[in-house]
Amino acid sequence: MSEDLPLPAFAENAINLASPRLGAKAIFATDEFFAPKDRMLDDAPAVFIDDKYDDNGKWMDGWESRRRRNSGHDYCLVQLGVKAVIRGVDIDTSHFTGNFPPAAFIEACLSDGVPGDDADWTEIIPATSLSADAHHYVESTDPETYNYLRLHILPDGGVARLRIYGEPQASWVGGGADAVHELSAVKNGGRIIGFNNAHYGEPWRILTEGRGINMGDGWETRRRREPGNDWIIIKLGAPGIVDKIEVDTAYFKGNYPDKCSLQAAFVTSGTDQSVITQSMFWDEMMAPSKLEADTQAYFEGNAILMKTPVTHLRLSIHTDGGVSRFRVFGRLTDI
């Protein structure tokens, strides 16, 4: 299986809405005899262990149903952790060779609870041919917001991983005009649009809830051996005036950045690539400030130099290292 194929645009720097880190869950499967449905949502890439077996047969890293001997097909119901517009999916059959489904399709709905028999399902990914041991990236053009999916496999077999890419839709409920929100949070639509290096970890995790669970749960760059510093760019879920910044180096002890600084701007148009280029010239929001190992650092008051609305921030770390979480708190603006 090739891991070097270019990602489609919808998957580049994208948030996996089916990640358990966002609260996604596999709720129900018609059958999970060979491998449980929960494995299909695991954040780590699927693995194959040559000589591993369990009571039902070969251990497989994903969801796998038994061989059907009647009509019909299997499906799995997945609850996303956030309501979102879905831009595309990856139906990954890694390591499934003689036991992959020949095809699959995906339906979605928006529901306040687990959908019942009367739920209004919409097909967002039409029946798509699958092949053995491969990623299958399929774009969705449906503009609606959803929080439940049904992955249908035709008729049975195994799926290693299901990745759902899209844009969380924040509700911004409560508090009035002076309420302070976490503008950068993934659940509120915050996302990473670019970085110069991400040798370790997954950058989007710095915008998730809670503290990191280990050193791999965040953004970490390789050791820099040339002049300069590393950086990452965050788009806020909505424009706002920044009141407070948190930079958390949880679990980063011998590899935390010595300092961090911020630039910011209010961006009204452009592609992600054009924003990355422009970011070199943005105004300073926070001067280089000291960080410590395995510590939550907070910056507010006079440390925040910009008091005008912004949509994007460029976090620079001096010179390299790891950041577990990055949070931007502020007030929404109607610009």
C-alpha atoms as a PDB file:
ATOM      1  CA  MET A   1       0.000   0.000   0.000  1.00  0.00           C
ATOM      2  CA  SER A   2       1.410   3.419  -0.931  1.00  0.00           C
ATOM      3  CA  GLU A   3       1.444   6.108   1.758  1.00  0.00           C
ATOM      4  CA  ASP A   4       2.991   8.695  -0.605  1.00  0.00           C
ATOM      5  CA  LEU A   5      -0.055   9.585  -2.688  1.00  0.00           C
ATOM      6  CA  PRO A   6      -0.933  13.303  -2.532  1.00  0.00           C
ATOM      7  CA  LEU A   7      -3.890  14.141  -0.311  1.00  0.00           C
ATOM      8  CA  PRO A   8      -6.964  15.742  -1.902  1.00  0.00           C
ATOM      9  CA  ALA A   9      -7.532  19.380  -0.991  1.00  0.00           C
ATOM     10  CA  PHE A  10     -10.320  18.549   1.474  1.00  0.00           C
ATOM     11  CA  ALA A  11      -7.953  16.382   3.557  1.00  0.00           C
ATOM     12  CA  GLU A  12      -4.926  18.693   3.710  1.00  0.00           C
ATOM     13  CA  ASN A  13      -4.445  20.110   7.226  1.00  0.00           C
ATOM     14  CA  ALA A  14      -7.982  18.894   7.882  1.00  0.00           C
ATOM     15  CA  ILE A  15      -9.724  17.897  11.081  1.00  0.00           C
ATOM     16  CA  ASN A  16     -10.834  14.283  11.399  1.00  0.00           C
ATOM     17  CA  LEU A  17     -14.395  14.656  12.634  1.00  0.00           C
ATOM     18  CA  ALA A  18     -14.579  10.917  13.369  1.00  0.00           C
ATOM     19  CA  SER A  19     -11.753  11.094  15.898  1.00  0.00           C
ATOM     20  CA  PRO A  20     -12.491   9.878  19.444  1.00  0.00           C
ATOM     21  CA  ARG A  21     -10.431  12.901  20.556  1.00  0.00           C
ATOM     22  CA  LEU A  22     -13.414  15.019  19.431  1.00  0.00           C
ATOM     23  CA  GLY A  23     -15.918  12.698  21.104  1.00  0.00           C
ATOM     24  CA  ALA A  24     -16.827  10.617  18.042  1.00  0.00           C
ATOM     25  CA  LYS A  25     -18.232   7.147  18.772  1.00  0.00           C
ATOM     26  CA  ALA A  26     -19.195   4.033  16.857  1.00  0.00           C
ATOM     27  CA  ILE A  27     -22.742   3.538  18.184  1.00  0.00           C
ATOM     28  CA  PHE A  28     -24.000   0.415  16.440  1.00  0.00           C
ATOM     29  CA  ALA A  29     -22.973  -2.154  13.839  1.00  0.00           C
ATOM     30  CA  THR A  30     -25.095  -4.840  12.241  1.00  0.00           C
ATOM     31  CA  ASP A  31     -22.221  -7.258  12.797  1.00  0.00           C
ATOM     32  CA  GLU A  32     -18.711  -7.057  14.302  1.00  0.00           C
ATOM     33  CA  PHE A  33     -17.820 -10.719  14.604  1.00  0.00           C
ATOM     34  CA  PHE A  34     -14.179 -10.501  13.512  1.00  0.00           C
ATOM     35  CA  ALA A  35     -13.220  -6.994  14.674  1.00  0.00           C
ATOM     36  CA  PRO A  36     -15.107  -4.398  16.774  1.00  0.00           C
ATOM     37  CA  LYS A  37     -16.503  -1.225  15.280  1.00  0.00           C
ATOM     38  CA  ASP A  38     -14.596   1.047  17.727  1.00  0.00           C
ATOM     39  CA  ARG A  39     -11.245   0.170  16.156  1.00  0.00           C
ATOM     40  CA  MET A  40     -12.349   1.750  12.887  1.00  0.00           C
ATOM     41  CA  LEU A  41     -12.218   5.219  14.503  1.00  0.00           C
ATOM     42  CA  ASP A  42      -8.794   4.821  16.128  1.00  0.00           C
ATOM     43  CA  ASP A  43      -6.594   7.881  15.540  1.00  0.00           C
ATOM     44  CA  ALA A  44      -3.452   5.836  14.869  1.00  0.00           C
ATOM     45  CA  PRO A  45      -2.863   4.320  11.417  1.00  0.00           C
ATOM     46  CA  ALA A  46      -3.978   0.711  11.105  1.00  0.00           C
ATOM     47  CA  VAL A  47      -1.371  -1.977  11.757  1.00  0.00           C
ATOM     48  CA  PHE A  48      -1.007  -5.632  10.791  1.00  0.00           C
ATOM     49  CA  ILE A  49       0.357  -8.168  13.286  1.00  0.00           C
ATOM     50  CA  ASP A  50       1.318 -11.312  11.423  1.00  0.00           C
ATOM     51  CA  ASP A  51       0.767 -13.967  14.046  1.00  0.00           C
ATOM     52  CA  LYS A  52      -1.981 -12.407  16.165  1.00  0.00           C
ATOM     53  CA  TYR A  53      -5.268 -14.302  16.461  1.00  0.00           C
ATOM     54  CA  ASP A  54      -8.226 -14.235  18.844  1.00  0.00           C
ATOM     55  CA  ASP A  55     -11.116 -16.592  19.558  1.00  0.00           C
ATOM     56  CA  ASN A  56     -12.891 -15.668  16.312  1.00  0.00           C
ATOM     57  CA  GLY A  57      -9.929 -15.830  13.964  1.00  0.00           C
ATOM     58  CA  LYS A  58      -7.290 -13.443  12.616  1.00  0.00           C
ATOM     59  CA  TRP A  59      -6.963 -10.223  14.638  1.00  0.00           C
ATOM     60  CA  MET A  60      -7.568  -7.244  12.367  1.00  0.00           C
ATOM     61  CA  ASP A  61      -7.121  -3.564  13.131  1.00  0.00           C
ATOM     62  CA  GLY A  62     -10.464  -2.113  12.117  1.00  0.00           C
ATOM     63  CA  TRP A  63     -14.121  -3.124  11.878  1.00  0.00           C
ATOM     64  CA  GLU A  64     -14.849  -6.463  10.231  1.00  0.00           C
ATOM     65  CA  SER A  65     -18.143  -8.327   9.862  1.00  0.00           C
ATOM     66  CA  ARG A  66     -18.557 -12.052   9.212  1.00  0.00           C
ATOM     67  CA  ARG A  67     -19.235 -13.467   5.750  1.00  0.00           C
ATOM     68  CA  ARG A  68     -22.888 -12.947   4.863  1.00  0.00           C
ATOM     69  CA  ARG A  69     -24.860 -15.981   3.732  1.00  0.00           C
ATOM     70  CA  ASN A  70     -28.089 -14.093   3.053  1.00  0.00           C
ATOM     71  CA  SER A  71     -29.302 -10.956   1.279  1.00  0.00           C
ATOM     72  CA  GLY A  72     -28.634  -7.487   2.591  1.00  0.00           C
ATOM     73  CA  HIS A  73     -25.480  -5.765   3.772  1.00  0.00           C
ATOM     74  CA  ASP A  74     -23.752  -4.493   6.903  1.00  0.00           C
ATOM     75  CA  TYR A  75     -23.522  -0.948   8.206  1.00  0.00           C
ATOM     76  CA  CYS A  76     -22.070   0.990  11.127  1.00  0.00           C
ATOM     77  CA  LEU A  77     -23.646   4.014  12.825  1.00  0.00           C
ATOM     78  CA  VAL A  78     -21.158   6.701  13.871  1.00  0.00           C
ATOM     79  CA  GLN A  79     -21.824   9.727  16.061  1.00  0.00           C
ATOM     80  CA  LEU A  80     -19.530  12.666  15.335  1.00  0.00           C
ATOM     81  CA  GLY A  81     -18.202  14.664  18.267  1.00  0.00           C
ATOM     82  CA  VAL A  82     -19.358  17.935  16.697  1.00  0.00           C
ATOM     83  CA  LYS A  83     -21.960  19.144  14.236  1.00  0.00           C
ATOM     84  CA  ALA A  84     -20.191  19.797  10.958  1.00  0.00           C
ATOM     85  CA  VAL A  85     -20.317  20.357   7.220  1.00  0.00           C
ATOM     86  CA  ILE A  86     -18.625  17.324   5.668  1.00  0.00           C
ATOM     87  CA  ARG A  87     -16.181  17.974   2.827  1.00  0.00           C
ATOM     88  CA  GLY A  88     -14.910  14.461   2.198  1.00  0.00           C
ATOM     89  CA  VAL A  89     -14.043  11.059   3.620  1.00  0.00           C
ATOM     90  CA  ASP A  90     -11.350   8.396   3.571  1.00  0.00           C
ATOM     91  CA  ILE A  91     -12.597   4.809   3.619  1.00  0.00           C
ATOM     92  CA  ASP A  92      -9.357   3.011   4.422  1.00  0.00           C
ATOM     93  CA  THR A  93      -9.020  -0.737   3.797  1.00  0.00           C
ATOM     94  CA  SER A  94      -5.367  -0.979   4.919  1.00  0.00           C
ATOM     95  CA  HIS A  95      -4.326  -4.624   5.449  1.00  0.00           C
ATOM     96  CA  PHE A  96      -7.715  -5.944   4.337  1.00  0.00           C
ATOM     97  CA  THR A  97      -6.909  -7.943   1.200  1.00  0.00           C
ATOM     98  CA  GLY A  98      -9.195 -10.954   0.736  1.00  0.00           C
ATOM     99  CA  ASN A  99     -11.767  -9.540   3.131  1.00  0.00           C
ATOM    100  CA  PHE A 100     -12.440  -5.938   2.044  1.00  0.00           C
ATOM    101  CA  PRO A 101     -15.936  -4.798   0.923  1.00  0.00           C
ATOM    102  CA  PRO A 102     -16.257  -4.338  -2.855  1.00  0.00           C
ATOM    103  CA  ALA A 103     -18.151  -1.056  -2.332  1.00  0.00           C
ATOM    104  CA  ALA A 104     -19.484   1.366   0.273  1.00  0.00           C
ATOM    105  CA  PHE A 105     -21.702   4.417   0.616  1.00  0.00           C
ATOM    106  CA  ILE A 106     -22.368   6.900   3.436  1.00  0.00           C
ATOM    107  CA  GLU A 107     -25.552   8.554   4.676  1.00  0.00           C
ATOM    108  CA  ALA A 108     -25.802  11.412   7.186  1.00  0.00           C
ATOM    109  CA  CYS A 109     -28.393  13.080   9.374  1.00  0.00           C
ATOM    110  CA  LEU A 110     -28.705  15.780  12.036  1.00  0.00           C
ATOM    111  CA  SER A 111     -30.285  14.583  15.246  1.00  0.00           C
ATOM    112  CA  ASP A 112     -30.477  15.605  18.917  1.00  0.00           C
ATOM    113  CA  GLY A 113     -30.204  11.943  19.921  1.00  0.00           C
ATOM    114  CA  VAL A 114     -29.393   8.572  18.415  1.00  0.00           C
ATOM    115  CA  PRO A 115     -31.447   8.479  15.184  1.00  0.00           C
ATOM    116  CA  GLY A 116     -34.509   6.244  15.232  1.00  0.00           C
ATOM    117  CA  ASP A 117     -36.337   4.434  12.472  1.00  0.00           C
ATOM    118  CA  ASP A 118     -37.966   7.690  11.353  1.00  0.00           C
ATOM    119  CA  ALA A 119     -34.680   9.596  10.918  1.00  0.00           C
ATOM    120  CA  ASP A 120     -34.229  11.613   7.732  1.00  0.00           C
ATOM    121  CA  TRP A 121     -31.035  10.258   6.144  1.00  0.00           C
ATOM    122  CA  THR A 122     -29.253  11.912   3.218  1.00  0.00           C
ATOM    123  CA  GLU A 123     -26.738  10.153   1.010  1.00  0.00           C
ATOM    124  CA  ILE A 124     -23.549  12.265   1.073  1.00  0.00           C
ATOM    125  CA  ILE A 125     -21.174   9.699  -0.461  1.00  0.00           C
ATOM    126  CA  PRO A 126     -22.662   7.577  -3.266  1.00  0.00           C
ATOM    127  CA  ALA A 127     -21.817   3.911  -3.737  1.00  0.00           C
ATOM    128  CA  THR A 128     -18.072   3.839  -4.363  1.00  0.00           C
ATOM    129  CA  SER A 129     -15.922   0.908  -5.480  1.00  0.00           C
ATOM    130  CA  LEU A 130     -13.288  -0.141  -2.969  1.00  0.00           C
ATOM    131  CA  SER A 131     -10.059  -2.042  -3.469  1.00  0.00           C
ATOM    132  CA  ALA A 132      -7.775  -4.035  -1.207  1.00  0.00           C
ATOM    133  CA  ASP A 133      -5.320  -2.418   1.203  1.00  0.00           C
ATOM    134  CA  ALA A 134      -5.909   1.175   0.067  1.00  0.00           C
ATOM    135  CA  HIS A 135      -7.129   4.633   1.018  1.00  0.00           C
ATOM    136  CA  HIS A 136     -10.286   5.773  -0.779  1.00  0.00           C
ATOM    137  CA  TYR A 137     -10.708   9.546  -0.660  1.00  0.00           C
ATOM    138  CA  VAL A 138     -14.144  10.709  -1.778  1.00  0.00           C
ATOM    139  CA  GLU A 139     -15.341  14.322  -1.824  1.00  0.00           C
ATOM    140  CA  SER A 140     -18.753  15.427  -0.570  1.00  0.00           C
ATOM    141  CA  THR A 141     -20.521  18.477  -2.007  1.00  0.00           C
ATOM    142  CA  ASP A 142     -23.467  18.449   0.402  1.00  0.00           C
ATOM    143  CA  PRO A 143     -23.639  21.875   2.169  1.00  0.00           C
ATOM    144  CA  GLU A 144     -25.762  20.811   5.148  1.00  0.00           C
ATOM    145  CA  THR A 145     -24.701  20.255   8.765  1.00  0.00           C
ATOM    146  CA  TYR A 146     -24.709  16.719  10.216  1.00  0.00           C
ATOM    147  CA  ASN A 147     -23.678  14.870  13.371  1.00  0.00           C
ATOM    148  CA  TYR A 148     -24.526  11.190  12.623  1.00  0.00           C
ATOM    149  CA  LEU A 149     -23.280   8.968   9.785  1.00  0.00           C
ATOM    150  CA  ARG A 150     -24.054   5.479   8.528  1.00  0.00           C
ATOM    151  CA  LEU A 151     -21.241   3.702   6.693  1.00  0.00           C
ATOM    152  CA  HIS A 152     -22.774   0.973   4.523  1.00  0.00           C
ATOM    153  CA  ILE A 153     -20.462  -1.761   3.233  1.00  0.00           C
ATOM    154  CA  LEU A 154     -21.639  -3.872   0.306  1.00  0.00           C
ATOM    155  CA  PRO A 155     -22.181  -6.573   1.342  1.00  0.00           C
ATOM    156  CA  ASP A 156     -19.727  -7.358   4.179  1.00  0.00           C
ATOM    157  CA  GLY A 157     -16.028  -7.334   5.092  1.00  0.00           C
ATOM    158  CA  GLY A 158     -13.574  -5.069   6.836  1.00  0.00           C
ATOM    159  CA  VAL A 159     -12.715  -1.363   6.981  1.00  0.00           C
ATOM    160  CA  ALA A 160      -9.503  -0.409   8.780  1.00  0.00           C
ATOM    161  CA  ARG A 161     -10.220   3.268   9.357  1.00  0.00           C
ATOM    162  CA  LEU A 162     -12.967   5.775   8.606  1.00  0.00           C
ATOM    163  CA  ARG A 163     -11.862   9.399   8.452  1.00  0.00           C
ATOM    164  CA  ILE A 164     -14.412  12.208   8.055  1.00  0.00           C
ATOM    165  CA  TYR A 165     -13.102  15.629   7.027  1.00  0.00           C
ATOM    166  CA  GLY A 166     -15.037  18.871   7.319  1.00  0.00           C
ATOM    167  CA  GLU A 167     -15.772  22.032   9.228  1.00  0.00           C
ATOM    168  CA  PRO A 168     -17.302  22.046  12.728  1.00  0.00           C
ATOM    169  CA  GLN A 169     -20.186  24.486  13.120  1.00  0.00           C
ATOM    170  CA  ALA A 170     -20.114  26.463  16.364  1.00  0.00           C
ATOM    171  CA  SER A 171     -23.294  27.604  18.085  1.00  0.00           C
ATOM    172  CA  TRP A 172     -21.648  30.347  20.244  1.00  0.00           C
ATOM    173  CA  VAL A 173     -24.453  30.012  22.779  1.00  0.00           C
ATOM    174  CA  GLY A 174     -24.806  32.278  25.830  1.00  0.00           C
ATOM    175  CA  GLY A 175     -23.210  35.250  27.499  1.00  0.00           C
ATOM    176  CA  GLY A 176     -24.140  38.151  25.252  1.00  0.00           C
ATOM    177  CA  ALA A 177     -21.772  40.522  23.480  1.00  0.00           C
ATOM    178  CA  ASP A 178     -19.166  40.536  26.288  1.00  0.00           C
ATOM    179  CA  ALA A 179     -18.976  36.750  26.640  1.00  0.00           C
ATOM    180  CA  VAL A 180     -15.527  35.221  26.272  1.00  0.00           C
ATOM    181  CA  HIS A 181     -15.348  32.149  24.024  1.00  0.00           C
ATOM    182  CA  GLU A 182     -12.579  29.745  23.063  1.00  0.00           C
ATOM    183  CA  LEU A 183     -12.248  31.099  19.543  1.00  0.00           C
ATOM    184  CA  SER A 184      -9.561  28.631  18.482  1.00  0.00           C
ATOM    185  CA  ALA A 185     -11.239  25.386  19.590  1.00  0.00           C
ATOM    186  CA  VAL A 186     -11.827  22.715  16.964  1.00  0.00           C
ATOM    187  CA  LYS A 187     -15.392  22.318  18.255  1.00  0.00           C
ATOM    188  CA  ASN A 188     -15.937  26.009  17.484  1.00  0.00           C
ATOM    189  CA  GLY A 189     -14.528  25.826  13.963  1.00  0.00           C
ATOM    190  CA  GLY A 190     -10.883  26.633  14.674  1.00  0.00           C
ATOM    191  CA  ARG A 191      -8.396  24.916  12.384  1.00  0.00           C
ATOM    192  CA  ILE A 192      -4.743  24.730  11.376  1.00  0.00           C
ATOM    193  CA  ILE A 193      -4.056  26.092   7.887  1.00  0.00           C
ATOM    194  CA  GLY A 194      -0.295  25.705   7.722  1.00  0.00           C
ATOM    195  CA  PHE A 195       3.021  25.098   9.499  1.00  0.00           C
ATOM    196  CA  ASN A 196       6.662  24.889   8.525  1.00  0.00           C
ATOM    197  CA  ASN A 197       7.304  21.502  10.162  1.00  0.00           C
ATOM    198  CA  ALA A 198       5.344  18.811  11.996  1.00  0.00           C
ATOM    199  CA  HIS A 199       7.746  15.905  12.226  1.00  0.00           C
ATOM    200  CA  TYR A 200       6.000  14.440  15.275  1.00  0.00           C
ATOM    201  CA  GLY A 201       2.360  14.370  16.368  1.00  0.00           C
ATOM    202  CA  GLU A 202      -0.685  15.782  14.593  1.00  0.00           C
ATOM    203  CA  PRO A 203      -0.891  19.622  14.597  1.00  0.00           C
ATOM    204  CA  TRP A 204      -4.695  19.865  14.756  1.00  0.00           C
ATOM    205  CA  ARG A 205      -4.661  18.292  18.213  1.00  0.00           C
ATOM    206  CA  ILE A 206      -3.328  21.498  19.775  1.00  0.00           C
ATOM    207  CA  LEU A 207      -6.852  22.911  19.302  1.00  0.00           C
ATOM    208  CA  THR A 208      -8.674  20.053  21.082  1.00  0.00           C
ATOM    209  CA  GLU A 209     -10.127  19.891  24.590  1.00  0.00           C
ATOM    210  CA  GLY A 210      -8.310  18.934  27.772  1.00  0.00           C
ATOM    211  CA  ARG A 211      -4.585  18.576  28.382  1.00  0.00           C
ATOM    212  CA  GLY A 212      -2.414  16.287  26.308  1.00  0.00           C
ATOM    213  CA  ILE A 213      -2.366  12.605  27.237  1.00  0.00           C
ATOM    214  CA  ASN A 214       1.296  12.055  26.279  1.00  0.00           C
ATOM    215  CA  MET A 215       4.132  13.621  24.294  1.00  0.00           C
ATOM    216  CA  GLY A 216       2.593  12.434  21.035  1.00  0.00           C
ATOM    217  CA  ASP A 217      -0.635  14.346  21.636  1.00  0.00           C
ATOM    218  CA  GLY A 218       0.253  17.719  20.153  1.00  0.00           C
ATOM    219  CA  TRP A 219       2.498  19.491  17.629  1.00  0.00           C
ATOM    220  CA  GLU A 220       6.237  18.868  17.717  1.00  0.00           C
ATOM    221  CA  THR A 221       8.911  19.899  15.217  1.00  0.00           C
ATOM    222  CA  ARG A 222      12.221  18.208  14.484  1.00  0.00           C
ATOM    223  CA  ARG A 223      15.430  19.584  15.976  1.00  0.00           C
ATOM    224  CA  ARG A 224      16.311  22.725  14.045  1.00  0.00           C
ATOM    225  CA  ARG A 225      19.878  22.788  12.723  1.00  0.00           C
ATOM    226  CA  GLU A 226      19.709  26.088  10.862  1.00  0.00           C
ATOM    227  CA  PRO A 227      18.864  29.731  11.717  1.00  0.00           C
ATOM    228  CA  GLY A 228      15.273  30.802  12.257  1.00  0.00           C
ATOM    229  CA  ASN A 229      12.341  29.336  14.156  1.00  0.00           C
ATOM    230  CA  ASP A 230       9.295  27.118  13.646  1.00  0.00           C
ATOM    231  CA  TRP A 231       5.699  28.329  13.279  1.00  0.00           C
ATOM    232  CA  ILE A 232       2.075  27.268  12.858  1.00  0.00           C
ATOM    233  CA  ILE A 233      -0.954  29.265  11.659  1.00  0.00           C
ATOM    234  CA  ILE A 234      -4.405  29.005  13.245  1.00  0.00           C
ATOM    235  CA  LYS A 235      -7.677  30.229  11.768  1.00  0.00           C
ATOM    236  CA  LEU A 236     -10.214  31.130  14.463  1.00  0.00           C
ATOM    237  CA  GLY A 237     -13.749  29.792  14.332  1.00  0.00           C
ATOM    238  CA  ALA A 238     -15.036  33.372  14.121  1.00  0.00           C
ATOM    239  CA  PRO A 239     -13.527  36.896  14.206  1.00  0.00           C
ATOM    240  CA  GLY A 240     -12.854  38.154  17.707  1.00  0.00           C
ATOM    241  CA  ILE A 241     -10.914  40.435  20.031  1.00  0.00           C
ATOM    242  CA  VAL A 242      -8.348  38.334  21.880  1.00  0.00           C
ATOM    243  CA  ASP A 243      -8.304  38.640  25.678  1.00  0.00           C
ATOM    244  CA  LYS A 244      -6.213  35.653  26.721  1.00  0.00           C
ATOM    245  CA  ILE A 245      -3.805  33.078  25.277  1.00  0.00           C
ATOM    246  CA  GLU A 246      -2.855  29.665  26.675  1.00  0.00           C
ATOM    247  CA  VAL A 247       0.238  27.755  25.526  1.00  0.00           C
ATOM    248  CA  ASP A 248       0.497  24.332  27.177  1.00  0.00           C
ATOM    249  CA  THR A 249       3.704  22.268  26.991  1.00  0.00           C
ATOM    250  CA  ALA A 250       2.256  19.209  28.791  1.00  0.00           C
ATOM    251  CA  TYR A 251       4.689  16.249  28.637  1.00  0.00           C
ATOM    252  CA  PHE A 252       7.261  18.288  26.712  1.00  0.00           C
ATOM    253  CA  LYS A 253      10.207  18.449  29.117  1.00  0.00           C
ATOM    254  CA  GLY A 254      13.528  18.145  27.315  1.00  0.00           C
ATOM    255  CA  ASN A 255      11.982  19.389  24.082  1.00  0.00           C
ATOM    256  CA  TYR A 256       9.698  22.324  24.925  1.00  0.00           C
ATOM    257  CA  PRO A 257      10.252  25.659  23.114  1.00  0.00           C
ATOM    258  CA  ASP A 258      12.239  28.223  25.067  1.00  0.00           C
ATOM    259  CA  LYS A 259       9.895  31.053  24.015  1.00  0.00           C
ATOM    260  CA  CYS A 260       6.848  31.738  21.880  1.00  0.00           C
ATOM    261  CA  SER A 261       5.509  34.813  20.098  1.00  0.00           C
ATOM    262  CA  LEU A 262       2.377  35.729  18.138  1.00  0.00           C
ATOM    263  CA  GLN A 263       1.433  37.667  15.043  1.00  0.00           C
ATOM    264  CA  ALA A 264      -2.173  38.185  13.953  1.00  0.00           C
ATOM    265  CA  ALA A 265      -4.376  39.702  11.256  1.00  0.00           C
ATOM    266  CA  PHE A 266      -7.951  40.159  10.111  1.00  0.00           C
ATOM    267  CA  VAL A 267      -8.110  38.271   6.811  1.00  0.00           C
ATOM    268  CA  THR A 268     -11.080  38.769   4.516  1.00  0.00           C
ATOM    269  CA  SER A 269     -10.096  36.667   1.489  1.00  0.00           C
ATOM    270  CA  GLY A 270      -7.472  34.393  -0.002  1.00  0.00           C
ATOM    271  CA  THR A 271      -6.464  30.756  -0.079  1.00  0.00           C
ATOM    272  CA  ASP A 272      -4.664  28.969   2.734  1.00  0.00           C
ATOM    273  CA  GLN A 273      -1.421  29.251   0.761  1.00  0.00           C
ATOM    274  CA  SER A 274      -1.805  33.002   0.238  1.00  0.00           C
ATOM    275  CA  VAL A 275      -2.556  33.469   3.951  1.00  0.00           C
ATOM    276  CA  ILE A 276       0.610  31.559   4.835  1.00  0.00           C
ATOM    277  CA  THR A 277       2.642  33.901   2.625  1.00  0.00           C
ATOM    278  CA  GLN A 278       0.995  37.028   4.063  1.00  0.00           C
ATOM    279  CA  SER A 279       1.540  35.878   7.640  1.00  0.00           C
ATOM    280  CA  MET A 280       5.220  36.840   7.548  1.00  0.00           C
ATOM    281  CA  PHE A 281       4.124  40.478   7.522  1.00  0.00           C
ATOM    282  CA  TRP A 282       1.337  40.432  10.115  1.00  0.00           C
ATOM    283  CA  ASP A 283       1.420  42.734  13.139  1.00  0.00           C
ATOM    284  CA  GLU A 284       2.847  41.528  16.408  1.00  0.00           C
ATOM    285  CA  MET A 285       0.236  40.397  18.911  1.00  0.00           C
ATOM    286  CA  MET A 286       2.643  39.124  21.567  1.00  0.00           C
ATOM    287  CA  ALA A 287       6.392  39.627  21.933  1.00  0.00           C
ATOM    288  CA  PRO A 288       8.630  36.583  22.527  1.00  0.00           C
ATOM    289  CA  SER A 289       7.629  35.240  25.940  1.00  0.00           C
ATOM    290  CA  LYS A 290       9.183  32.563  28.134  1.00  0.00           C
ATOM    291  CA  LEU A 291       7.800  29.041  28.312  1.00  0.00           C
ATOM    292  CA  GLU A 292       8.533  26.265  30.804  1.00  0.00           C
ATOM    293  CA  ALA A 293       8.604  22.494  30.622  1.00  0.00           C
ATOM    294  CA  ASP A 294       5.320  20.594  31.074  1.00  0.00           C
ATOM    295  CA  THR A 295       3.459  23.788  32.051  1.00  0.00           C
ATOM    296  CA  GLN A 296       0.359  25.769  31.095  1.00  0.00           C
ATOM    297  CA  ALA A 297       1.423  29.343  30.327  1.00  0.00           C
ATOM    298  CA  TYR A 298      -1.195  32.117  30.230  1.00  0.00           C
ATOM    299  CA  PHE A 299      -0.808  35.534  28.591  1.00  0.00           C
ATOM    300  CA  GLU A 300      -3.328  38.360  28.971  1.00  0.00           C
ATOM    301  CA  GLY A 301      -3.653  42.063  29.768  1.00  0.00           C
ATOM    302  CA  ASN A 302      -0.683  44.102  28.574  1.00  0.00           C
ATOM    303  CA  ALA A 303       0.953  40.990  27.103  1.00  0.00           C
ATOM    304  CA  ILE A 304      -1.681  41.092  24.321  1.00  0.00           C
ATOM    305  CA  LEU A 305      -0.586  43.971  22.091  1.00  0.00           C
ATOM    306  CA  MET A 306      -3.462  43.939  19.590  1.00  0.00           C
ATOM    307  CA  LYS A 307      -6.895  45.090  20.763  1.00  0.00           C
ATOM    308  CA  THR A 308      -8.628  44.924  17.372  1.00  0.00           C
ATOM    309  CA  PRO A 309     -10.546  42.002  15.820  1.00  0.00           C
ATOM    310  CA  VAL A 310      -8.505  39.208  14.220  1.00  0.00           C
ATOM    311  CA  THR A 311      -9.298  36.033  12.299  1.00  0.00           C
ATOM    312  CA  HIS A 312      -5.870  34.340  12.121  1.00  0.00           C
ATOM    313  CA  LEU A 313      -2.847  33.943  14.406  1.00  0.00           C
ATOM    314  CA  ARG A 314       0.690  32.810  13.676  1.00  0.00           C
ATOM    315  CA  LEU A 315       2.281  31.099  16.662  1.00  0.00           C
ATOM    316  CA  SER A 316       6.078  31.098  16.467  1.00  0.00           C
ATOM    317  CA  ILE A 317       8.159  28.907  18.759  1.00  0.00           C
ATOM    318  CA  HIS A 318      11.802  29.787  19.429  1.00  0.00           C
ATOM    319  CA  THR A 319      13.500  27.890  18.125  1.00  0.00           C
ATOM    320  CA  ASP A 320      11.794  24.506  17.926  1.00  0.00           C
ATOM    321  CA  GLY A 321      10.111  21.857  20.081  1.00  0.00           C
ATOM    322  CA  GLY A 322       6.645  20.760  21.102  1.00  0.00           C
ATOM    323  CA  VAL A 323       3.342  22.370  22.096  1.00  0.00           C
ATOM    324  CA  SER A 324       0.520  20.241  23.488  1.00  0.00           C
ATOM    325  CA  ARG A 325      -2.351  22.747  23.408  1.00  0.00           C
ATOM    326  CA  PHE A 326      -2.899  26.286  22.123  1.00  0.00           C
ATOM    327  CA  ARG A 327      -6.003  28.205  23.117  1.00  0.00           C
ATOM    328  CA  VAL A 328      -7.266  31.646  22.152  1.00  0.00           C
ATOM    329  CA  PHE A 329      -9.985  33.201  24.303  1.00  0.00           C
ATOM    330  CA  GLY A 330     -11.842  36.323  23.228  1.00  0.00           C
ATOM    331  CA  ARG A 331     -15.028  38.173  22.410  1.00  0.00           C
ATOM    332  CA  LEU A 332     -16.926  37.727  19.139  1.00  0.00           C
ATOM    333  CA  THR A 333     -17.197  40.691  16.802  1.00  0.00           C
ATOM    334  CA  ASP A 334     -19.623  41.466  14.000  1.00  0.00           C
ATOM    335  CA  ILE A 335     -17.127  42.861  11.498  1.00  0.00           C
END
